[in-house]
C-alpha atoms as a PDB file:
ATOM      1  CA  MET A   1       0.000   0.000   0.000  1.00  0.00           C
ATOM      2  CA  ARG A   2       1.349   3.445  -0.936  1.00  0.00           C
ATOM      3  CA  ARG A   3       1.906   5.713   1.985  1.00  0.00           C
ATOM      4  CA  HIS A   4       0.962   9.365   1.560  1.00  0.00           C
ATOM      5  CA  ARG A   5       3.679  11.743   2.609  1.00  0.00           C
ATOM      6  CA  ALA A   6       3.089  15.222   3.968  1.00  0.00           C
ATOM      7  CA  THR A   7       4.079  18.041   1.677  1.00  0.00           C
ATOM      8  CA  PRO A   8       7.582  19.387   2.349  1.00  0.00           C
ATOM      9  CA  ALA A   9       6.204  22.784   3.333  1.00  0.00           C
ATOM     10  CA  LEU A  10       3.760  21.276   5.812  1.00  0.00           C
ATOM     11  CA  GLY A  11       6.459  19.049   7.263  1.00  0.00           C
ATOM     12  CA  ARG A  12       8.918  21.909   7.703  1.00  0.00           C
ATOM     13  CA  TRP A  13       6.298  24.189   9.285  1.00  0.00           C
ATOM     14  CA  SER A  14       4.980  21.534  11.684  1.00  0.00           C
ATOM     15  CA  ARG A  15       8.497  20.845  12.969  1.00  0.00           C
ATOM     16  CA  ARG A  16       9.152  24.506  13.735  1.00  0.00           C
ATOM     17  CA  HIS A  17       5.763  25.756  14.974  1.00  0.00           C
ATOM     18  CA  SER A  18       3.015  24.547  17.265  1.00  0.00           C
ATOM     19  CA  LEU A  19      -0.639  24.084  16.391  1.00  0.00           C
ATOM     20  CA  VAL A  20      -1.468  26.944  18.758  1.00  0.00           C
ATOM     21  CA  ALA A  21       0.740  29.271  16.732  1.00  0.00           C
ATOM     22  CA  VAL A  22      -1.018  28.194  13.536  1.00  0.00           C
ATOM     23  CA  LEU A  23      -4.420  28.936  14.986  1.00  0.00           C
ATOM     24  CA  ARG A  24      -3.371  32.257  16.483  1.00  0.00           C
ATOM     25  CA  SER A  25      -1.955  33.621  13.250  1.00  0.00           C
ATOM     26  CA  PRO A  26      -3.292  31.678  10.243  1.00  0.00           C
ATOM     27  CA  PHE A  27      -2.167  34.139   7.580  1.00  0.00           C
ATOM     28  CA  ARG A  28       1.358  34.310   8.997  1.00  0.00           C
ATOM     29  CA  ALA A  29       1.374  30.534   8.924  1.00  0.00           C
ATOM     30  CA  ALA A  30       0.284  30.563   5.281  1.00  0.00           C
ATOM     31  CA  ARG A  31       3.011  33.039   4.333  1.00  0.00           C
ATOM     32  CA  SER A  32       5.545  30.794   6.056  1.00  0.00           C
ATOM     33  CA  GLY A  33       4.593  27.823   3.923  1.00  0.00           C
ATOM     34  CA  PHE A  34       1.698  26.245   5.823  1.00  0.00           C
ATOM     35  CA  PRO A  35      -1.222  25.663   3.391  1.00  0.00           C
ATOM     36  CA  LEU A  36      -4.011  28.160   4.129  1.00  0.00           C
ATOM     37  CA  LEU A  37      -6.762  25.598   3.536  1.00  0.00           C
ATOM     38  CA  ALA A  38      -5.150  23.347   6.128  1.00  0.00           C
ATOM     39  CA  VAL A  39      -5.053  26.239   8.591  1.00  0.00           C
ATOM     40  CA  LEU A  40      -8.749  26.935   8.102  1.00  0.00           C
ATOM     41  CA  ALA A  41      -9.622  23.256   8.505  1.00  0.00           C
ATOM     42  CA  LEU A  42      -7.660  23.046  11.743  1.00  0.00           C
ATOM     43  CA  ALA A  43      -9.327  26.152  13.096  1.00  0.00           C
ATOM     44  CA  THR A  44     -12.764  24.734  12.349  1.00  0.00           C
ATOM     45  CA  VAL A  45     -11.996  21.513  14.214  1.00  0.00           C
ATOM     46  CA  ALA A  46      -9.868  22.823  17.082  1.00  0.00           C
ATOM     47  CA  LEU A  47     -11.620  26.012  18.196  1.00  0.00           C
ATOM     48  CA  PRO A  48     -14.596  25.446  20.535  1.00  0.00           C
ATOM     49  CA  ALA A  49     -17.913  27.081  19.854  1.00  0.00           C
ATOM     50  CA  CYS A  50     -18.618  30.178  21.930  1.00  0.00           C
ATOM     51  CA  ALA A  51     -20.843  29.244  24.865  1.00  0.00           C
ATOM     52  CA  PRO A  52     -23.391  31.719  26.215  1.00  0.00           C
ATOM     53  CA  ARG A  53     -22.287  33.481  29.364  1.00  0.00           C
ATOM     54  CA  PRO A  54     -24.012  32.142  32.477  1.00  0.00           C
ATOM     55  CA  ALA A  55     -26.177  34.460  34.561  1.00  0.00           C
ATOM     56  CA  VAL A  56     -24.182  36.315  37.187  1.00  0.00           C
ATOM     57  CA  ARG A  57     -24.806  34.714  40.564  1.00  0.00           C
ATOM     58  CA  LEU A  58     -26.080  37.326  43.003  1.00  0.00           C
ATOM     59  CA  PRO A  59     -25.393  37.114  46.758  1.00  0.00           C
ATOM     60  CA  VAL A  60     -29.139  36.955  47.429  1.00  0.00           C
ATOM     61  CA  LEU A  61     -31.414  34.465  49.162  1.00  0.00           C
ATOM     62  CA  ALA A  62     -35.133  35.064  48.584  1.00  0.00           C
ATOM     63  CA  VAL A  63     -37.497  33.257  50.973  1.00  0.00           C
ATOM     64  CA  GLY A  64     -41.225  33.199  50.353  1.00  0.00           C
ATOM     65  CA  ASP A  65     -44.464  31.315  49.926  1.00  0.00           C
ATOM     66  CA  SER A  66     -46.541  30.478  46.852  1.00  0.00           C
ATOM     67  CA  VAL A  67     -46.717  34.162  45.807  1.00  0.00           C
ATOM     68  CA  MET A  68     -42.951  34.196  45.350  1.00  0.00           C
ATOM     69  CA  GLU A  69     -42.993  30.624  44.046  1.00  0.00           C
ATOM     70  CA  PHE A  70     -44.802  31.754  40.898  1.00  0.00           C
ATOM     71  CA  ALA A  71     -41.960  34.181  40.149  1.00  0.00           C
ATOM     72  CA  ALA A  72     -39.150  31.862  41.296  1.00  0.00           C
ATOM     73  CA  PRO A  73     -37.938  30.872  37.795  1.00  0.00           C
ATOM     74  CA  LEU A  74     -37.517  34.530  36.849  1.00  0.00           C
ATOM     75  CA  LEU A  75     -35.736  35.351  40.092  1.00  0.00           C
ATOM     76  CA  ARG A  76     -33.383  32.403  39.613  1.00  0.00           C
ATOM     77  CA  ALA A  77     -32.726  33.513  36.041  1.00  0.00           C
ATOM     78  CA  GLN A  78     -31.515  36.815  37.513  1.00  0.00           C
ATOM     79  CA  GLY A  79     -28.994  34.928  39.640  1.00  0.00           C
ATOM     80  CA  MET A  80     -30.833  34.718  42.973  1.00  0.00           C
ATOM     81  CA  THR A  81     -31.196  31.691  45.203  1.00  0.00           C
ATOM     82  CA  VAL A  82     -34.909  31.147  45.862  1.00  0.00           C
ATOM     83  CA  ASP A  83     -36.542  29.087  48.608  1.00  0.00           C
ATOM     84  CA  ALA A  84     -40.286  29.489  48.083  1.00  0.00           C
ATOM     85  CA  GLN A  85     -42.914  27.010  49.189  1.00  0.00           C
ATOM     86  CA  GLN A  86     -46.690  26.860  49.224  1.00  0.00           C
ATOM     87  CA  SER A  87     -48.454  27.579  52.562  1.00  0.00           C
ATOM     88  CA  ARG A  88     -45.242  28.660  54.282  1.00  0.00           C
ATOM     89  CA  GLN A  89     -45.615  30.682  57.494  1.00  0.00           C
ATOM     90  CA  PHE A  90     -43.452  33.700  58.314  1.00  0.00           C
ATOM     91  CA  LYS A  91     -41.786  31.931  61.245  1.00  0.00           C
ATOM     92  CA  GLU A  92     -40.519  29.182  58.922  1.00  0.00           C
ATOM     93  CA  ALA A  93     -38.013  31.607  57.417  1.00  0.00           C
ATOM     94  CA  ILE A  94     -36.073  31.607  60.693  1.00  0.00           C
ATOM     95  CA  PRO A  95     -34.769  27.988  60.611  1.00  0.00           C
ATOM     96  CA  ILE A  96     -34.012  28.347  56.892  1.00  0.00           C
ATOM     97  CA  VAL A  97     -31.787  31.345  57.590  1.00  0.00           C
ATOM     98  CA  GLN A  98     -30.239  29.725  60.669  1.00  0.00           C
ATOM     99  CA  SER A  99     -29.416  26.537  58.779  1.00  0.00           C
ATOM    100  CA  ASP A 100     -27.757  28.367  55.892  1.00  0.00           C
ATOM    101  CA  ALA A 101     -25.825  30.594  58.301  1.00  0.00           C
ATOM    102  CA  ALA A 102     -24.575  27.585  60.296  1.00  0.00           C
ATOM    103  CA  ARG A 103     -23.258  25.975  57.108  1.00  0.00           C
ATOM    104  CA  GLY A 104     -21.652  29.200  55.889  1.00  0.00           C
ATOM    105  CA  LEU A 105     -24.088  29.419  52.964  1.00  0.00           C
ATOM    106  CA  LEU A 106     -26.142  32.461  53.902  1.00  0.00           C
ATOM    107  CA  PRO A 107     -25.439  35.243  51.386  1.00  0.00           C
ATOM    108  CA  SER A 108     -25.048  38.918  52.190  1.00  0.00           C
ATOM    109  CA  ILE A 109     -28.627  39.818  51.181  1.00  0.00           C
ATOM    110  CA  VAL A 110     -31.794  38.070  52.384  1.00  0.00           C
ATOM    111  CA  ILE A 111     -35.235  38.947  51.002  1.00  0.00           C
ATOM    112  CA  VAL A 112     -38.284  37.680  52.883  1.00  0.00           C
ATOM    113  CA  HIS A 113     -41.815  37.895  51.509  1.00  0.00           C
ATOM    114  CA  LEU A 114     -44.095  36.010  53.875  1.00  0.00           C
ATOM    115  CA  GLY A 115     -47.335  36.610  55.740  1.00  0.00           C
ATOM    116  CA  THR A 116     -49.876  35.391  53.215  1.00  0.00           C
ATOM    117  CA  ASN A 117     -50.750  32.271  55.188  1.00  0.00           C
ATOM    118  CA  GLY A 118     -51.197  33.487  58.741  1.00  0.00           C
ATOM    119  CA  PRO A 119     -50.605  36.212  61.308  1.00  0.00           C
ATOM    120  CA  ILE A 120     -47.154  37.593  62.129  1.00  0.00           C
ATOM    121  CA  THR A 121     -46.105  38.832  65.549  1.00  0.00           C
ATOM    122  CA  PRO A 122     -43.408  41.426  66.284  1.00  0.00           C
ATOM    123  CA  THR A 123     -41.495  38.784  68.247  1.00  0.00           C
ATOM    124  CA  ILE A 124     -41.287  36.507  65.198  1.00  0.00           C
ATOM    125  CA  CYS A 125     -40.062  39.328  62.988  1.00  0.00           C
ATOM    126  CA  ASP A 126     -37.449  40.323  65.580  1.00  0.00           C
ATOM    127  CA  ALA A 127     -36.265  36.705  65.702  1.00  0.00           C
ATOM    128  CA  LEU A 128     -35.826  36.721  61.923  1.00  0.00           C
ATOM    129  CA  VAL A 129     -33.762  39.893  62.132  1.00  0.00           C
ATOM    130  CA  ALA A 130     -31.554  38.275  64.778  1.00  0.00           C
ATOM    131  CA  ALA A 131     -31.085  35.160  62.624  1.00  0.00           C
ATOM    132  CA  VAL A 132     -30.010  37.220  59.607  1.00  0.00           C
ATOM    133  CA  GLY A 133     -27.513  39.054  61.799  1.00  0.00           C
ATOM    134  CA  HIS A 134     -25.175  41.545  60.154  1.00  0.00           C
ATOM    135  CA  ARG A 135     -26.420  40.768  56.665  1.00  0.00           C
ATOM    136  CA  ARG A 136     -28.805  42.968  54.740  1.00  0.00           C
ATOM    137  CA  LEU A 137     -32.443  41.969  55.269  1.00  0.00           C
ATOM    138  CA  ILE A 138     -35.179  43.185  52.916  1.00  0.00           C
ATOM    139  CA  LEU A 139     -38.833  42.693  53.846  1.00  0.00           C
ATOM    140  CA  MET A 140     -41.870  42.843  51.565  1.00  0.00           C
ATOM    141  CA  ASN A 141     -45.406  43.690  52.561  1.00  0.00           C
ATOM    142  CA  LEU A 142     -48.567  42.003  51.287  1.00  0.00           C
ATOM    143  CA  SER A 143     -51.106  42.606  48.537  1.00  0.00           C
ATOM    144  CA  MET A 144     -54.112  40.317  48.934  1.00  0.00           C
ATOM    145  CA  HIS A 145     -57.000  42.708  48.213  1.00  0.00           C
ATOM    146  CA  GLY A 146     -58.673  41.963  51.525  1.00  0.00           C
ATOM    147  CA  GLN A 147     -58.846  38.212  50.908  1.00  0.00           C
ATOM    148  CA  ARG A 148     -57.264  37.394  54.296  1.00  0.00           C
ATOM    149  CA  SER A 149     -58.321  38.913  57.610  1.00  0.00           C
ATOM    150  CA  TRP A 150     -54.722  39.269  58.814  1.00  0.00           C
ATOM    151  CA  GLU A 151     -53.475  41.228  55.792  1.00  0.00           C
ATOM    152  CA  GLN A 152     -53.600  44.719  57.297  1.00  0.00           C
ATOM    153  CA  THR A 153     -52.255  43.618  60.691  1.00  0.00           C
ATOM    154  CA  ASN A 154     -49.361  41.795  59.064  1.00  0.00           C
ATOM    155  CA  ASP A 155     -48.520  44.826  56.941  1.00  0.00           C
ATOM    156  CA  VAL A 156     -48.342  46.939  60.096  1.00  0.00           C
ATOM    157  CA  VAL A 157     -46.105  44.388  61.841  1.00  0.00           C
ATOM    158  CA  ILE A 158     -43.807  44.190  58.801  1.00  0.00           C
ATOM    159  CA  ALA A 159     -43.589  47.974  58.456  1.00  0.00           C
ATOM    160  CA  GLN A 160     -42.900  48.482  62.161  1.00  0.00           C
ATOM    161  CA  CYS A 161     -40.290  45.715  62.164  1.00  0.00           C
ATOM    162  CA  ALA A 162     -38.537  47.336  59.206  1.00  0.00           C
ATOM    163  CA  ALA A 163     -38.601  50.738  60.902  1.00  0.00           C
ATOM    164  CA  ARG A 164     -37.459  49.364  64.252  1.00  0.00           C
ATOM    165  CA  HIS A 165     -34.428  47.626  62.767  1.00  0.00           C
ATOM    166  CA  HIS A 166     -33.730  50.127  59.954  1.00  0.00           C
ATOM    167  CA  LEU A 167     -34.476  47.575  57.239  1.00  0.00           C
ATOM    168  CA  GLN A 168     -35.380  48.101  53.615  1.00  0.00           C
ATOM    169  CA  LEU A 169     -39.057  47.529  52.841  1.00  0.00           C
ATOM    170  CA  ILE A 170     -40.333  46.674  49.365  1.00  0.00           C
ATOM    171  CA  ASP A 171     -43.828  48.151  49.183  1.00  0.00           C
ATOM    172  CA  TRP A 172     -45.434  45.405  47.118  1.00  0.00           C
ATOM    173  CA  LYS A 173     -48.901  46.629  48.080  1.00  0.00           C
ATOM    174  CA  ALA A 174     -48.300  50.085  46.607  1.00  0.00           C
ATOM    175  CA  ALA A 175     -46.434  48.780  43.562  1.00  0.00           C
ATOM    176  CA  SER A 176     -49.195  46.352  42.631  1.00  0.00           C
ATOM    177  CA  ASN A 177     -52.156  48.560  43.573  1.00  0.00           C
ATOM    178  CA  GLY A 178     -54.608  48.789  40.679  1.00  0.00           C
ATOM    179  CA  GLN A 179     -52.496  46.547  38.441  1.00  0.00           C
ATOM    180  CA  PRO A 180     -54.044  43.642  36.480  1.00  0.00           C
ATOM    181  CA  TRP A 181     -51.340  41.275  37.678  1.00  0.00           C
ATOM    182  CA  PHE A 182     -53.389  38.900  39.796  1.00  0.00           C
ATOM    183  CA  ALA A 183     -55.117  35.568  39.319  1.00  0.00           C
ATOM    184  CA  ALA A 184     -58.769  35.049  40.187  1.00  0.00           C
ATOM    185  CA  ASP A 185     -58.007  34.680  43.909  1.00  0.00           C
ATOM    186  CA  GLN A 186     -56.505  38.208  43.962  1.00  0.00           C
ATOM    187  CA  ILE A 187     -53.471  36.896  45.841  1.00  0.00           C
ATOM    188  CA  HIS A 188     -51.366  34.915  43.391  1.00  0.00           C
ATOM    189  CA  LEU A 189     -49.925  36.267  40.176  1.00  0.00           C
ATOM    190  CA  ASP A 190     -50.526  35.783  36.481  1.00  0.00           C
ATOM    191  CA  ALA A 191     -47.734  35.834  33.887  1.00  0.00           C
ATOM    192  CA  ALA A 192     -47.561  39.631  33.757  1.00  0.00           C
ATOM    193  CA  GLY A 193     -47.596  39.751  37.535  1.00  0.00           C
ATOM    194  CA  THR A 194     -44.680  37.355  37.914  1.00  0.00           C
ATOM    195  CA  ARG A 195     -42.627  39.473  35.508  1.00  0.00           C
ATOM    196  CA  ALA A 196     -43.485  42.645  37.404  1.00  0.00           C
ATOM    197  CA  TYR A 197     -42.738  40.973  40.737  1.00  0.00           C
ATOM    198  CA  ALA A 198     -39.306  39.783  39.584  1.00  0.00           C
ATOM    199  CA  THR A 199     -38.488  43.228  38.184  1.00  0.00           C
ATOM    200  CA  ILE A 200     -39.481  45.017  41.402  1.00  0.00           C
ATOM    201  CA  VAL A 201     -37.447  42.624  43.541  1.00  0.00           C
ATOM    202  CA  ARG A 202     -34.398  42.965  41.291  1.00  0.00           C
ATOM    203  CA  ARG A 203     -34.560  46.764  41.301  1.00  0.00           C
ATOM    204  CA  SER A 204     -34.590  46.805  45.081  1.00  0.00           C
ATOM    205  CA  LEU A 205     -31.035  45.465  45.272  1.00  0.00           C
END
C-alpha cells in the first residue's frame, strides 16, 4: 500500500511551529509555507464554539411562599437563590436562615416575603432579624385585596419591624395597587404579575 507523505512545506512548518501558533496567526502561517486551507480546517476543528455566558450569581437568598414561588424561575434567572414554598408561614423563614448561616451558605442579602398564610407577631419578625444578623435583610409587605383577615395587621407588623431595625421595605402593596397582575383569587400572580414581581425585587437590590 502506498503511503501518503506530507508536503515538504507542511512538514517543515509543523516541525518549527506549534498548532497553537497556527491557529493564532493563520495568515502568517500561510506566508511561512503552511497551506491556508489546512489552517482553516484546523481552526474549524480545534476552536470550541462560543458558549453563552451564564447568569451572574447574586449574593441573594429570597425566601417566600406560593406568591414568590410563581416568580421563582424569573428570580433564579436573575442569579438569585430562591426558597419558596406553598403555605409557608413567616416563622418558617427563621430555621431556613439559621441553617444556611450555620453551614456558611447564607449570602449577604436576604429577602423575605411572607405573611400570606397566617398572622405575624413582632417577636417573630425580631427573631428573623436576629437570625439574619449583620447581613442585609429586605422585607416585603402584602397585597391580597382583603382576601385574608390578617393582611392589614401583618402589613403593620412588617412595616414596624422594618422601621425598628432600619431595614429596607419593598412596598409590594403600593407597587401592585390597581395593576391587572393577579389571578382570580386576587393573591397569586398571572404571567404579567410574575414578571413585574421579579423586576421590582431585582430593582430593590
